[in-house]
Amino acid sequence: MSRDAYVYLMSNVRNNVLYIGVTNDLVRRVAEHQLGLQPGFTQRYRCTKLVYFESGDSIVAAIQREKQLKNWRRQWKEELVASVNPSWADLGPSIGVTPQILVELATHRHRPG
């Protein structure tokens, strides 16, 4: 993962909710979603599965792509996910989101400092 910017889609267990986000650290951000560390939409709707992502060199380009995808119809987003992830599996482990990283992030976040 040597890229600088990512657009990603998270879903819940039933795949009936989609969240689109941008980050410069995909592993950390997916782990935060999985641990429910960020209050808001993904925590409320339990979007813990990374189902799609794109990488690029520019955060500006990633933000533009995020805006484009957010304006798409739901069906188009589902087709995009299915084109690379037909089973809507959690891609977290394939990018390096491991139980160890989750424990480390949870421990670090809850450490007084």
PDB file of N, CA and C in Angstrom:
ATOM      1  N   MET A   1       0.834  -1.185   0.000  1.00  0.00           N
ATOM      2  CA  MET A   1       0.000   0.000   0.000  1.00  0.00           C
ATOM      3  C   MET A   1       0.882   1.253   0.000  1.00  0.00           C
ATOM      4  N   SER A   2       1.418   1.608  -1.115  1.00  0.00           N
ATOM      5  CA  SER A   2       2.306   2.760  -1.150  1.00  0.00           C
ATOM      6  C   SER A   2       1.615   4.003  -1.704  1.00  0.00           C
ATOM      7  N   ARG A   3       0.349   3.959  -1.897  1.00  0.00           N
ATOM      8  CA  ARG A   3      -0.380   5.108  -2.427  1.00  0.00           C
ATOM      9  C   ARG A   3      -0.674   6.093  -1.311  1.00  0.00           C
ATOM     10  N   ASP A   4      -1.062   7.297  -1.695  1.00  0.00           N
ATOM     11  CA  ASP A   4      -1.286   8.359  -0.724  1.00  0.00           C
ATOM     12  C   ASP A   4      -2.750   8.623  -0.409  1.00  0.00           C
ATOM     13  N   ALA A   5      -3.677   8.144  -1.242  1.00  0.00           N
ATOM     14  CA  ALA A   5      -5.084   8.466  -1.036  1.00  0.00           C
ATOM     15  C   ALA A   5      -5.957   7.293  -1.458  1.00  0.00           C
ATOM     16  N   TYR A   6      -7.026   7.111  -0.718  1.00  0.00           N
ATOM     17  CA  TYR A   6      -7.950   6.008  -0.979  1.00  0.00           C
ATOM     18  C   TYR A   6      -9.387   6.501  -0.904  1.00  0.00           C
ATOM     19  N   VAL A   7     -10.206   5.993  -1.804  1.00  0.00           N
ATOM     20  CA  VAL A   7     -11.655   6.113  -1.715  1.00  0.00           C
ATOM     21  C   VAL A   7     -12.113   4.703  -1.387  1.00  0.00           C
ATOM     22  N   TYR A   8     -13.010   4.577  -0.429  1.00  0.00           N
ATOM     23  CA  TYR A   8     -13.404   3.240  -0.008  1.00  0.00           C
ATOM     24  C   TYR A   8     -14.896   3.184   0.300  1.00  0.00           C
ATOM     25  N   LEU A   9     -15.447   1.985   0.204  1.00  0.00           N
ATOM     26  CA  LEU A   9     -16.841   1.743   0.552  1.00  0.00           C
ATOM     27  C   LEU A   9     -16.896   0.703   1.665  1.00  0.00           C
ATOM     28  N   MET A  10     -17.640   1.050   2.696  1.00  0.00           N
ATOM     29  CA  MET A  10     -17.888   0.141   3.815  1.00  0.00           C
ATOM     30  C   MET A  10     -19.352  -0.265   3.766  1.00  0.00           C
ATOM     31  N   SER A  11     -19.633  -1.472   4.242  1.00  0.00           N
ATOM     32  CA  SER A  11     -21.013  -1.927   4.323  1.00  0.00           C
ATOM     33  C   SER A  11     -21.227  -2.636   5.654  1.00  0.00           C
ATOM     34  N   ASN A  12     -22.477  -2.959   5.919  1.00  0.00           N
ATOM     35  CA  ASN A  12     -22.795  -3.706   7.135  1.00  0.00           C
ATOM     36  C   ASN A  12     -22.912  -5.194   6.796  1.00  0.00           C
ATOM     37  N   VAL A  13     -23.210  -6.005   7.770  1.00  0.00           N
ATOM     38  CA  VAL A  13     -23.258  -7.457   7.582  1.00  0.00           C
ATOM     39  C   VAL A  13     -24.286  -7.855   6.519  1.00  0.00           C
ATOM     40  N   ARG A  14     -25.409  -7.161   6.482  1.00  0.00           N
ATOM     41  CA  ARG A  14     -26.470  -7.504   5.526  1.00  0.00           C
ATOM     42  C   ARG A  14     -26.291  -6.828   4.165  1.00  0.00           C
ATOM     43  N   ASN A  15     -25.265  -6.007   4.020  1.00  0.00           N
ATOM     44  CA  ASN A  15     -24.965  -5.308   2.767  1.00  0.00           C
ATOM     45  C   ASN A  15     -26.099  -4.394   2.299  1.00  0.00           C
ATOM     46  N   ASN A  16     -26.868  -3.873   3.233  1.00  0.00           N
ATOM     47  CA  ASN A  16     -27.962  -2.981   2.837  1.00  0.00           C
ATOM     48  C   ASN A  16     -27.659  -1.515   3.160  1.00  0.00           C
ATOM     49  N   VAL A  17     -26.457  -1.237   3.661  1.00  0.00           N
ATOM     50  CA  VAL A  17     -26.023   0.122   3.933  1.00  0.00           C
ATOM     51  C   VAL A  17     -24.648   0.297   3.304  1.00  0.00           C
ATOM     52  N   LEU A  18     -24.433   1.442   2.658  1.00  0.00           N
ATOM     53  CA  LEU A  18     -23.129   1.746   2.073  1.00  0.00           C
ATOM     54  C   LEU A  18     -22.639   3.085   2.596  1.00  0.00           C
ATOM     55  N   TYR A  19     -21.365   3.134   2.913  1.00  0.00           N
ATOM     56  CA  TYR A  19     -20.701   4.365   3.323  1.00  0.00           C
ATOM     57  C   TYR A  19     -19.510   4.570   2.403  1.00  0.00           C
ATOM     58  N   ILE A  20     -19.333   5.782   1.921  1.00  0.00           N
ATOM     59  CA  ILE A  20     -18.200   6.112   1.058  1.00  0.00           C
ATOM     60  C   ILE A  20     -17.320   7.098   1.807  1.00  0.00           C
ATOM     61  N   GLY A  21     -16.025   6.806   1.856  1.00  0.00           N
ATOM     62  CA  GLY A  21     -15.100   7.675   2.561  1.00  0.00           C
ATOM     63  C   GLY A  21     -13.784   7.829   1.820  1.00  0.00           C
ATOM     64  N   VAL A  22     -12.958   8.731   2.341  1.00  0.00           N
ATOM     65  CA  VAL A  22     -11.622   9.018   1.796  1.00  0.00           C
ATOM     66  C   VAL A  22     -10.643   8.992   2.962  1.00  0.00           C
ATOM     67  N   THR A  23      -9.452   8.481   2.718  1.00  0.00           N
ATOM     68  CA  THR A  23      -8.422   8.458   3.756  1.00  0.00           C
ATOM     69  C   THR A  23      -7.043   8.416   3.124  1.00  0.00           C
ATOM     70  N   ASN A  24      -6.046   8.738   3.929  1.00  0.00           N
ATOM     71  CA  ASN A  24      -4.660   8.574   3.476  1.00  0.00           C
ATOM     72  C   ASN A  24      -4.023   7.342   4.119  1.00  0.00           C
ATOM     73  N   ASP A  25      -4.766   6.641   4.985  1.00  0.00           N
ATOM     74  CA  ASP A  25      -4.274   5.428   5.644  1.00  0.00           C
ATOM     75  C   ASP A  25      -5.427   4.431   5.731  1.00  0.00           C
ATOM     76  N   LEU A  26      -5.560   3.608   4.706  1.00  0.00           N
ATOM     77  CA  LEU A  26      -6.711   2.716   4.585  1.00  0.00           C
ATOM     78  C   LEU A  26      -6.777   1.682   5.704  1.00  0.00           C
ATOM     79  N   VAL A  27      -5.655   1.089   6.064  1.00  0.00           N
ATOM     80  CA  VAL A  27      -5.650   0.072   7.118  1.00  0.00           C
ATOM     81  C   VAL A  27      -6.144   0.675   8.437  1.00  0.00           C
ATOM     82  N   ARG A  28      -5.574   1.817   8.811  1.00  0.00           N
ATOM     83  CA  ARG A  28      -5.989   2.460  10.064  1.00  0.00           C
ATOM     84  C   ARG A  28      -7.467   2.824  10.037  1.00  0.00           C
ATOM     85  N   ARG A  29      -7.916   3.409   8.927  1.00  0.00           N
ATOM     86  CA  ARG A  29      -9.298   3.886   8.849  1.00  0.00           C
ATOM     87  C   ARG A  29     -10.287   2.726   8.894  1.00  0.00           C
ATOM     88  N   VAL A  30      -9.999   1.639   8.190  1.00  0.00           N
ATOM     89  CA  VAL A  30     -10.892   0.474   8.219  1.00  0.00           C
ATOM     90  C   VAL A  30     -10.928  -0.109   9.627  1.00  0.00           C
ATOM     91  N   ALA A  31      -9.782  -0.181  10.268  1.00  0.00           N
ATOM     92  CA  ALA A  31      -9.735  -0.685  11.654  1.00  0.00           C
ATOM     93  C   ALA A  31     -10.574   0.201  12.569  1.00  0.00           C
ATOM     94  N   GLU A  32     -10.508   1.513  12.384  1.00  0.00           N
ATOM     95  CA  GLU A  32     -11.331   2.420  13.193  1.00  0.00           C
ATOM     96  C   GLU A  32     -12.817   2.148  12.985  1.00  0.00           C
ATOM     97  N   HIS A  33     -13.212   1.924  11.739  1.00  0.00           N
ATOM     98  CA  HIS A  33     -14.612   1.589  11.458  1.00  0.00           C
ATOM     99  C   HIS A  33     -14.987   0.271  12.122  1.00  0.00           C
ATOM    100  N   GLN A  34     -14.132  -0.720  12.015  1.00  0.00           N
ATOM    101  CA  GLN A  34     -14.439  -2.038  12.580  1.00  0.00           C
ATOM    102  C   GLN A  34     -14.552  -1.992  14.095  1.00  0.00           C
ATOM    103  N   LEU A  35     -13.788  -1.134  14.720  1.00  0.00           N
ATOM    104  CA  LEU A  35     -13.839  -0.997  16.180  1.00  0.00           C
ATOM    105  C   LEU A  35     -14.921  -0.029  16.647  1.00  0.00           C
ATOM    106  N   GLY A  36     -15.555   0.666  15.717  1.00  0.00           N
ATOM    107  CA  GLY A  36     -16.584   1.637  16.072  1.00  0.00           C
ATOM    108  C   GLY A  36     -16.041   2.839  16.816  1.00  0.00           C
ATOM    109  N   LEU A  37     -14.809   3.243  16.506  1.00  0.00           N
ATOM    110  CA  LEU A  37     -14.152   4.316  17.240  1.00  0.00           C
ATOM    111  C   LEU A  37     -14.608   5.709  16.829  1.00  0.00           C
ATOM    112  N   GLN A  38     -15.163   5.837  15.646  1.00  0.00           N
ATOM    113  CA  GLN A  38     -15.594   7.147  15.167  1.00  0.00           C
ATOM    114  C   GLN A  38     -17.105   7.259  15.261  1.00  0.00           C
ATOM    115  N   PRO A  39     -17.605   8.156  16.096  1.00  0.00           N
ATOM    116  CA  PRO A  39     -19.056   8.324  16.165  1.00  0.00           C
ATOM    117  C   PRO A  39     -19.590   8.833  14.834  1.00  0.00           C
ATOM    118  N   GLY A  40     -20.782   8.438  14.499  1.00  0.00           N
ATOM    119  CA  GLY A  40     -21.389   8.906  13.258  1.00  0.00           C
ATOM    120  C   GLY A  40     -22.053   7.786  12.503  1.00  0.00           C
ATOM    121  N   PHE A  41     -22.156   7.985  11.198  1.00  0.00           N
ATOM    122  CA  PHE A  41     -22.910   7.089  10.327  1.00  0.00           C
ATOM    123  C   PHE A  41     -22.447   5.640  10.417  1.00  0.00           C
ATOM    124  N   THR A  42     -21.135   5.403  10.237  1.00  0.00           N
ATOM    125  CA  THR A  42     -20.658   4.013  10.195  1.00  0.00           C
ATOM    126  C   THR A  42     -20.819   3.318  11.538  1.00  0.00           C
ATOM    127  N   GLN A  43     -20.695   4.050  12.623  1.00  0.00           N
ATOM    128  CA  GLN A  43     -20.904   3.457  13.938  1.00  0.00           C
ATOM    129  C   GLN A  43     -22.384   3.145  14.137  1.00  0.00           C
ATOM    130  N   ARG A  44     -23.240   4.104  13.798  1.00  0.00           N
ATOM    131  CA  ARG A  44     -24.680   3.939  13.983  1.00  0.00           C
ATOM    132  C   ARG A  44     -25.228   2.774  13.153  1.00  0.00           C
ATOM    133  N   TYR A  45     -24.754   2.631  11.910  1.00  0.00           N
ATOM    134  CA  TYR A  45     -25.267   1.594  11.019  1.00  0.00           C
ATOM    135  C   TYR A  45     -24.365   0.364  10.944  1.00  0.00           C
ATOM    136  N   ARG A  46     -23.370   0.311  11.809  1.00  0.00           N
ATOM    137  CA  ARG A  46     -22.452  -0.833  11.924  1.00  0.00           C
ATOM    138  C   ARG A  46     -21.818  -1.229  10.590  1.00  0.00           C
ATOM    139  N   CYS A  47     -21.288  -0.238   9.907  1.00  0.00           N
ATOM    140  CA  CYS A  47     -20.576  -0.475   8.645  1.00  0.00           C
ATOM    141  C   CYS A  47     -19.147  -0.883   8.985  1.00  0.00           C
ATOM    142  N   THR A  48     -18.923  -2.169   9.045  1.00  0.00           N
ATOM    143  CA  THR A  48     -17.630  -2.696   9.479  1.00  0.00           C
ATOM    144  C   THR A  48     -16.900  -3.488   8.397  1.00  0.00           C
ATOM    145  N   LYS A  49     -17.519  -3.662   7.239  1.00  0.00           N
ATOM    146  CA  LYS A  49     -16.903  -4.435   6.157  1.00  0.00           C
ATOM    147  C   LYS A  49     -16.391  -3.514   5.064  1.00  0.00           C
ATOM    148  N   LEU A  50     -15.115  -3.615   4.767  1.00  0.00           N
ATOM    149  CA  LEU A  50     -14.563  -2.940   3.599  1.00  0.00           C
ATOM    150  C   LEU A  50     -14.942  -3.781   2.391  1.00  0.00           C
ATOM    151  N   VAL A  51     -15.751  -3.223   1.483  1.00  0.00           N
ATOM    152  CA  VAL A  51     -16.191  -4.004   0.332  1.00  0.00           C
ATOM    153  C   VAL A  51     -15.599  -3.521  -0.983  1.00  0.00           C
ATOM    154  N   TYR A  52     -14.988  -2.319  -0.969  1.00  0.00           N
ATOM    155  CA  TYR A  52     -14.413  -1.776  -2.201  1.00  0.00           C
ATOM    156  C   TYR A  52     -13.440  -0.663  -1.841  1.00  0.00           C
ATOM    157  N   PHE A  53     -12.390  -0.527  -2.625  1.00  0.00           N
ATOM    158  CA  PHE A  53     -11.503   0.627  -2.482  1.00  0.00           C
ATOM    159  C   PHE A  53     -10.752   0.884  -3.776  1.00  0.00           C
ATOM    160  N   GLU A  54     -10.366   2.128  -3.945  1.00  0.00           N
ATOM    161  CA  GLU A  54      -9.516   2.565  -5.049  1.00  0.00           C
ATOM    162  C   GLU A  54      -8.363   3.342  -4.442  1.00  0.00           C
ATOM    163  N   SER A  55      -7.190   3.225  -5.022  1.00  0.00           N
ATOM    164  CA  SER A  55      -6.050   3.989  -4.532  1.00  0.00           C
ATOM    165  C   SER A  55      -5.573   4.951  -5.603  1.00  0.00           C
ATOM    166  N   GLY A  56      -4.960   6.038  -5.139  1.00  0.00           N
ATOM    167  CA  GLY A  56      -4.420   7.027  -6.055  1.00  0.00           C
ATOM    168  C   GLY A  56      -3.328   7.826  -5.383  1.00  0.00           C
ATOM    169  N   ASP A  57      -2.761   8.738  -6.128  1.00  0.00           N
ATOM    170  CA  ASP A  57      -1.634   9.516  -5.636  1.00  0.00           C
ATOM    171  C   ASP A  57      -2.026  10.841  -5.008  1.00  0.00           C
ATOM    172  N   SER A  58      -3.279  11.245  -5.172  1.00  0.00           N
ATOM    173  CA  SER A  58      -3.672  12.582  -4.750  1.00  0.00           C
ATOM    174  C   SER A  58      -4.934  12.549  -3.895  1.00  0.00           C
ATOM    175  N   ILE A  59      -4.893  13.195  -2.739  1.00  0.00           N
ATOM    176  CA  ILE A  59      -6.081  13.288  -1.895  1.00  0.00           C
ATOM    177  C   ILE A  59      -7.152  14.130  -2.583  1.00  0.00           C
ATOM    178  N   VAL A  60      -6.732  15.111  -3.371  1.00  0.00           N
ATOM    179  CA  VAL A  60      -7.685  15.951  -4.104  1.00  0.00           C
ATOM    180  C   VAL A  60      -8.475  15.093  -5.098  1.00  0.00           C
ATOM    181  N   ALA A  61      -7.769  14.246  -5.832  1.00  0.00           N
ATOM    182  CA  ALA A  61      -8.439  13.355  -6.788  1.00  0.00           C
ATOM    183  C   ALA A  61      -9.350  12.365  -6.058  1.00  0.00           C
ATOM    184  N   ALA A  62      -8.913  11.887  -4.911  1.00  0.00           N
ATOM    185  CA  ALA A  62      -9.735  10.952  -4.128  1.00  0.00           C
ATOM    186  C   ALA A  62     -11.019  11.621  -3.654  1.00  0.00           C
ATOM    187  N   ILE A  63     -10.918  12.852  -3.229  1.00  0.00           N
ATOM    188  CA  ILE A  63     -12.107  13.586  -2.774  1.00  0.00           C
ATOM    189  C   ILE A  63     -13.058  13.825  -3.948  1.00  0.00           C
ATOM    190  N   GLN A  64     -12.514  14.134  -5.113  1.00  0.00           N
ATOM    191  CA  GLN A  64     -13.358  14.306  -6.301  1.00  0.00           C
ATOM    192  C   GLN A  64     -14.077  13.002  -6.643  1.00  0.00           C
ATOM    193  N   ARG A  65     -13.357  11.893  -6.559  1.00  0.00           N
ATOM    194  CA  ARG A  65     -13.965  10.588  -6.848  1.00  0.00           C
ATOM    195  C   ARG A  65     -15.036  10.257  -5.804  1.00  0.00           C
ATOM    196  N   GLU A  66     -14.765  10.562  -4.540  1.00  0.00           N
ATOM    197  CA  GLU A  66     -15.749  10.337  -3.478  1.00  0.00           C
ATOM    198  C   GLU A  66     -17.037  11.098  -3.792  1.00  0.00           C
ATOM    199  N   LYS A  67     -16.912  12.345  -4.166  1.00  0.00           N
ATOM    200  CA  LYS A  67     -18.099  13.153  -4.497  1.00  0.00           C
ATOM    201  C   LYS A  67     -18.849  12.563  -5.681  1.00  0.00           C
ATOM    202  N   GLN A  68     -18.102  12.093  -6.675  1.00  0.00           N
ATOM    203  CA  GLN A  68     -18.727  11.468  -7.840  1.00  0.00           C
ATOM    204  C   GLN A  68     -19.527  10.236  -7.415  1.00  0.00           C
ATOM    205  N   LEU A  69     -18.895   9.352  -6.622  1.00  0.00           N
ATOM    206  CA  LEU A  69     -19.569   8.132  -6.198  1.00  0.00           C
ATOM    207  C   LEU A  69     -20.782   8.420  -5.323  1.00  0.00           C
ATOM    208  N   LYS A  70     -20.699   9.441  -4.484  1.00  0.00           N
ATOM    209  CA  LYS A  70     -21.833   9.782  -3.620  1.00  0.00           C
ATOM    210  C   LYS A  70     -23.040  10.251  -4.427  1.00  0.00           C
ATOM    211  N   ASN A  71     -22.798  10.735  -5.637  1.00  0.00           N
ATOM    212  CA  ASN A  71     -23.898  11.168  -6.500  1.00  0.00           C
ATOM    213  C   ASN A  71     -24.455  10.041  -7.366  1.00  0.00           C
ATOM    214  N   TRP A  72     -23.817   8.894  -7.341  1.00  0.00           N
ATOM    215  CA  TRP A  72     -24.287   7.754  -8.123  1.00  0.00           C
ATOM    216  C   TRP A  72     -25.549   7.164  -7.519  1.00  0.00           C
ATOM    217  N   ARG A  73     -26.325   6.498  -8.368  1.00  0.00           N
ATOM    218  CA  ARG A  73     -27.464   5.713  -7.900  1.00  0.00           C
ATOM    219  C   ARG A  73     -26.951   4.506  -7.117  1.00  0.00           C
ATOM    220  N   ARG A  74     -27.768   4.044  -6.196  1.00  0.00           N
ATOM    221  CA  ARG A  74     -27.401   2.882  -5.371  1.00  0.00           C
ATOM    222  C   ARG A  74     -27.026   1.695  -6.257  1.00  0.00           C
ATOM    223  N   GLN A  75     -27.783   1.430  -7.305  1.00  0.00           N
ATOM    224  CA  GLN A  75     -27.518   0.291  -8.186  1.00  0.00           C
ATOM    225  C   GLN A  75     -26.128   0.365  -8.800  1.00  0.00           C
ATOM    226  N   TRP A  76     -25.703   1.559  -9.199  1.00  0.00           N
ATOM    227  CA  TRP A  76     -24.374   1.715  -9.800  1.00  0.00           C
ATOM    228  C   TRP A  76     -23.285   1.390  -8.783  1.00  0.00           C
ATOM    229  N   LYS A  77     -23.491   1.828  -7.546  1.00  0.00           N
ATOM    230  CA  LYS A  77     -22.517   1.531  -6.488  1.00  0.00           C
ATOM    231  C   LYS A  77     -22.450   0.029  -6.243  1.00  0.00           C
ATOM    232  N   GLU A  78     -23.607  -0.622  -6.210  1.00  0.00           N
ATOM    233  CA  GLU A  78     -23.631  -2.072  -6.007  1.00  0.00           C
ATOM    234  C   GLU A  78     -22.917  -2.790  -7.150  1.00  0.00           C
ATOM    235  N   GLU A  79     -23.127  -2.323  -8.371  1.00  0.00           N
ATOM    236  CA  GLU A  79     -22.457  -2.927  -9.527  1.00  0.00           C
ATOM    237  C   GLU A  79     -20.947  -2.714  -9.469  1.00  0.00           C
ATOM    238  N   LEU A  80     -20.525  -1.543  -8.997  1.00  0.00           N
ATOM    239  CA  LEU A  80     -19.090  -1.272  -8.846  1.00  0.00           C
ATOM    240  C   LEU A  80     -18.468  -2.242  -7.850  1.00  0.00           C
ATOM    241  N   VAL A  81     -19.090  -2.416  -6.703  1.00  0.00           N
ATOM    242  CA  VAL A  81     -18.586  -3.359  -5.695  1.00  0.00           C
ATOM    243  C   VAL A  81     -18.544  -4.763  -6.283  1.00  0.00           C
ATOM    244  N   ALA A  82     -19.659  -5.201  -6.884  1.00  0.00           N
ATOM    245  CA  ALA A  82     -19.746  -6.564  -7.422  1.00  0.00           C
ATOM    246  C   ALA A  82     -18.743  -6.816  -8.540  1.00  0.00           C
ATOM    247  N   SER A  83     -18.308  -5.763  -9.237  1.00  0.00           N
ATOM    248  CA  SER A  83     -17.358  -5.953 -10.339  1.00  0.00           C
ATOM    249  C   SER A  83     -15.992  -6.438  -9.860  1.00  0.00           C
ATOM    250  N   VAL A  84     -15.639  -6.124  -8.620  1.00  0.00           N
ATOM    251  CA  VAL A  84     -14.348  -6.567  -8.081  1.00  0.00           C
ATOM    252  C   VAL A  84     -14.502  -7.451  -6.847  1.00  0.00           C
ATOM    253  N   ASN A  85     -15.686  -7.473  -6.271  1.00  0.00           N
ATOM    254  CA  ASN A  85     -15.928  -8.222  -5.039  1.00  0.00           C
ATOM    255  C   ASN A  85     -17.339  -8.810  -5.105  1.00  0.00           C
ATOM    256  N   PRO A  86     -17.553  -9.808  -5.980  1.00  0.00           N
ATOM    257  CA  PRO A  86     -18.906 -10.319  -6.221  1.00  0.00           C
ATOM    258  C   PRO A  86     -19.611 -10.875  -4.985  1.00  0.00           C
ATOM    259  N   SER A  87     -18.853 -11.363  -4.023  1.00  0.00           N
ATOM    260  CA  SER A  87     -19.475 -11.924  -2.818  1.00  0.00           C
ATOM    261  C   SER A  87     -19.616 -10.897  -1.694  1.00  0.00           C
ATOM    262  N   TRP A  88     -19.165  -9.671  -1.937  1.00  0.00           N
ATOM    263  CA  TRP A  88     -19.202  -8.602  -0.938  1.00  0.00           C
ATOM    264  C   TRP A  88     -18.479  -9.040   0.337  1.00  0.00           C
ATOM    265  N   ALA A  89     -17.376  -9.734   0.161  1.00  0.00           N
ATOM    266  CA  ALA A  89     -16.565 -10.180   1.304  1.00  0.00           C
ATOM    267  C   ALA A  89     -15.872  -8.982   1.939  1.00  0.00           C
ATOM    268  N   ASP A  90     -15.491  -9.128   3.191  1.00  0.00           N
ATOM    269  CA  ASP A  90     -14.717  -8.090   3.875  1.00  0.00           C
ATOM    270  C   ASP A  90     -13.296  -8.123   3.333  1.00  0.00           C
ATOM    271  N   LEU A  91     -12.862  -7.025   2.729  1.00  0.00           N
ATOM    272  CA  LEU A  91     -11.523  -6.933   2.154  1.00  0.00           C
ATOM    273  C   LEU A  91     -10.478  -6.486   3.174  1.00  0.00           C
ATOM    274  N   GLY A  92     -10.900  -6.203   4.393  1.00  0.00           N
ATOM    275  CA  GLY A  92      -9.978  -5.750   5.433  1.00  0.00           C
ATOM    276  C   GLY A  92      -8.753  -6.631   5.583  1.00  0.00           C
ATOM    277  N   PRO A  93      -8.940  -7.950   5.752  1.00  0.00           N
ATOM    278  CA  PRO A  93      -7.764  -8.818   5.906  1.00  0.00           C
ATOM    279  C   PRO A  93      -6.822  -8.777   4.700  1.00  0.00           C
ATOM    280  N   SER A  94      -7.356  -8.577   3.514  1.00  0.00           N
ATOM    281  CA  SER A  94      -6.506  -8.569   2.318  1.00  0.00           C
ATOM    282  C   SER A  94      -5.618  -7.325   2.229  1.00  0.00           C
ATOM    283  N   ILE A  95      -5.963  -6.267   2.966  1.00  0.00           N
ATOM    284  CA  ILE A  95      -5.120  -5.063   2.965  1.00  0.00           C
ATOM    285  C   ILE A  95      -4.273  -4.962   4.230  1.00  0.00           C
ATOM    286  N   GLY A  96      -4.424  -5.938   5.141  1.00  0.00           N
ATOM    287  CA  GLY A  96      -3.584  -5.946   6.330  1.00  0.00           C
ATOM    288  C   GLY A  96      -4.274  -5.586   7.630  1.00  0.00           C
ATOM    289  N   VAL A  97      -5.609  -5.529   7.630  1.00  0.00           N
ATOM    290  CA  VAL A  97      -6.327  -5.301   8.882  1.00  0.00           C
ATOM    291  C   VAL A  97      -6.385  -6.640   9.601  1.00  0.00           C
ATOM    292  N   THR A  98      -5.547  -6.782  10.618  1.00  0.00           N
ATOM    293  CA  THR A  98      -5.416  -8.029  11.359  1.00  0.00           C
ATOM    294  C   THR A  98      -5.949  -7.853  12.781  1.00  0.00           C
ATOM    295  N   PRO A  99      -6.233  -8.960  13.461  1.00  0.00           N
ATOM    296  CA  PRO A  99      -6.637  -8.838  14.864  1.00  0.00           C
ATOM    297  C   PRO A  99      -5.606  -8.079  15.701  1.00  0.00           C
ATOM    298  N   GLN A 100      -4.323  -8.267  15.400  1.00  0.00           N
ATOM    299  CA  GLN A 100      -3.276  -7.570  16.143  1.00  0.00           C
ATOM    300  C   GLN A 100      -3.377  -6.053  15.962  1.00  0.00           C
ATOM    301  N   ILE A 101      -3.631  -5.618  14.740  1.00  0.00           N
ATOM    302  CA  ILE A 101      -3.777  -4.186  14.483  1.00  0.00           C
ATOM    303  C   ILE A 101      -4.994  -3.641  15.209  1.00  0.00           C
ATOM    304  N   LEU A 102      -6.080  -4.406  15.209  1.00  0.00           N
ATOM    305  CA  LEU A 102      -7.289  -3.964  15.905  1.00  0.00           C
ATOM    306  C   LEU A 102      -7.029  -3.808  17.402  1.00  0.00           C
ATOM    307  N   VAL A 103      -6.341  -4.782  17.996  1.00  0.00           N
ATOM    308  CA  VAL A 103      -6.025  -4.706  19.427  1.00  0.00           C
ATOM    309  C   VAL A 103      -5.117  -3.508  19.697  1.00  0.00           C
ATOM    310  N   GLU A 104      -4.105  -3.341  18.867  1.00  0.00           N
ATOM    311  CA  GLU A 104      -3.163  -2.234  19.057  1.00  0.00           C
ATOM    312  C   GLU A 104      -3.874  -0.884  18.959  1.00  0.00           C
ATOM    313  N   LEU A 105      -4.726  -0.738  17.970  1.00  0.00           N
ATOM    314  CA  LEU A 105      -5.444   0.522  17.798  1.00  0.00           C
ATOM    315  C   LEU A 105      -6.415   0.765  18.952  1.00  0.00           C
ATOM    316  N   ALA A 106      -7.132  -0.264  19.368  1.00  0.00           N
ATOM    317  CA  ALA A 106      -8.075  -0.120  20.482  1.00  0.00           C
ATOM    318  C   ALA A 106      -7.339   0.223  21.770  1.00  0.00           C
ATOM    319  N   THR A 107      -6.207  -0.412  22.007  1.00  0.00           N
ATOM    320  CA  THR A 107      -5.429  -0.162  23.212  1.00  0.00           C
ATOM    321  C   THR A 107      -4.853   1.252  23.197  1.00  0.00           C
ATOM    322  N   HIS A 108      -4.324   1.652  22.062  1.00  0.00           N
ATOM    323  CA  HIS A 108      -3.736   2.986  21.926  1.00  0.00           C
ATOM    324  C   HIS A 108      -4.798   4.069  22.118  1.00  0.00           C
ATOM    325  N   ARG A 109      -5.991   3.854  21.563  1.00  0.00           N
ATOM    326  CA  ARG A 109      -7.061   4.838  21.648  1.00  0.00           C
ATOM    327  C   ARG A 109      -7.582   5.006  23.073  1.00  0.00           C
ATOM    328  N   HIS A 110      -7.523   3.942  23.854  1.00  0.00           N
ATOM    329  CA  HIS A 110      -8.083   3.994  25.210  1.00  0.00           C
ATOM    330  C   HIS A 110      -7.035   4.241  26.284  1.00  0.00           C
ATOM    331  N   ARG A 111      -5.799   4.486  25.868  1.00  0.00           N
ATOM    332  CA  ARG A 111      -4.721   4.757  26.793  1.00  0.00           C
ATOM    333  C   ARG A 111      -4.780   6.222  27.225  1.00  0.00           C
ATOM    334  N   PRO A 112      -4.731   6.505  28.522  1.00  0.00           N
ATOM    335  CA  PRO A 112      -4.730   7.906  28.951  1.00  0.00           C
ATOM    336  C   PRO A 112      -3.486   8.620  28.431  1.00  0.00           C
ATOM    337  N   GLY A 113      -3.653   9.845  28.038  1.00  0.00           N
ATOM    338  CA  GLY A 113      -2.476  10.509  27.531  1.00  0.00           C
ATOM    339  C   GLY A 113      -2.671  11.933  27.429  1.00  0.00           C
TER     340      GLY A 113
END
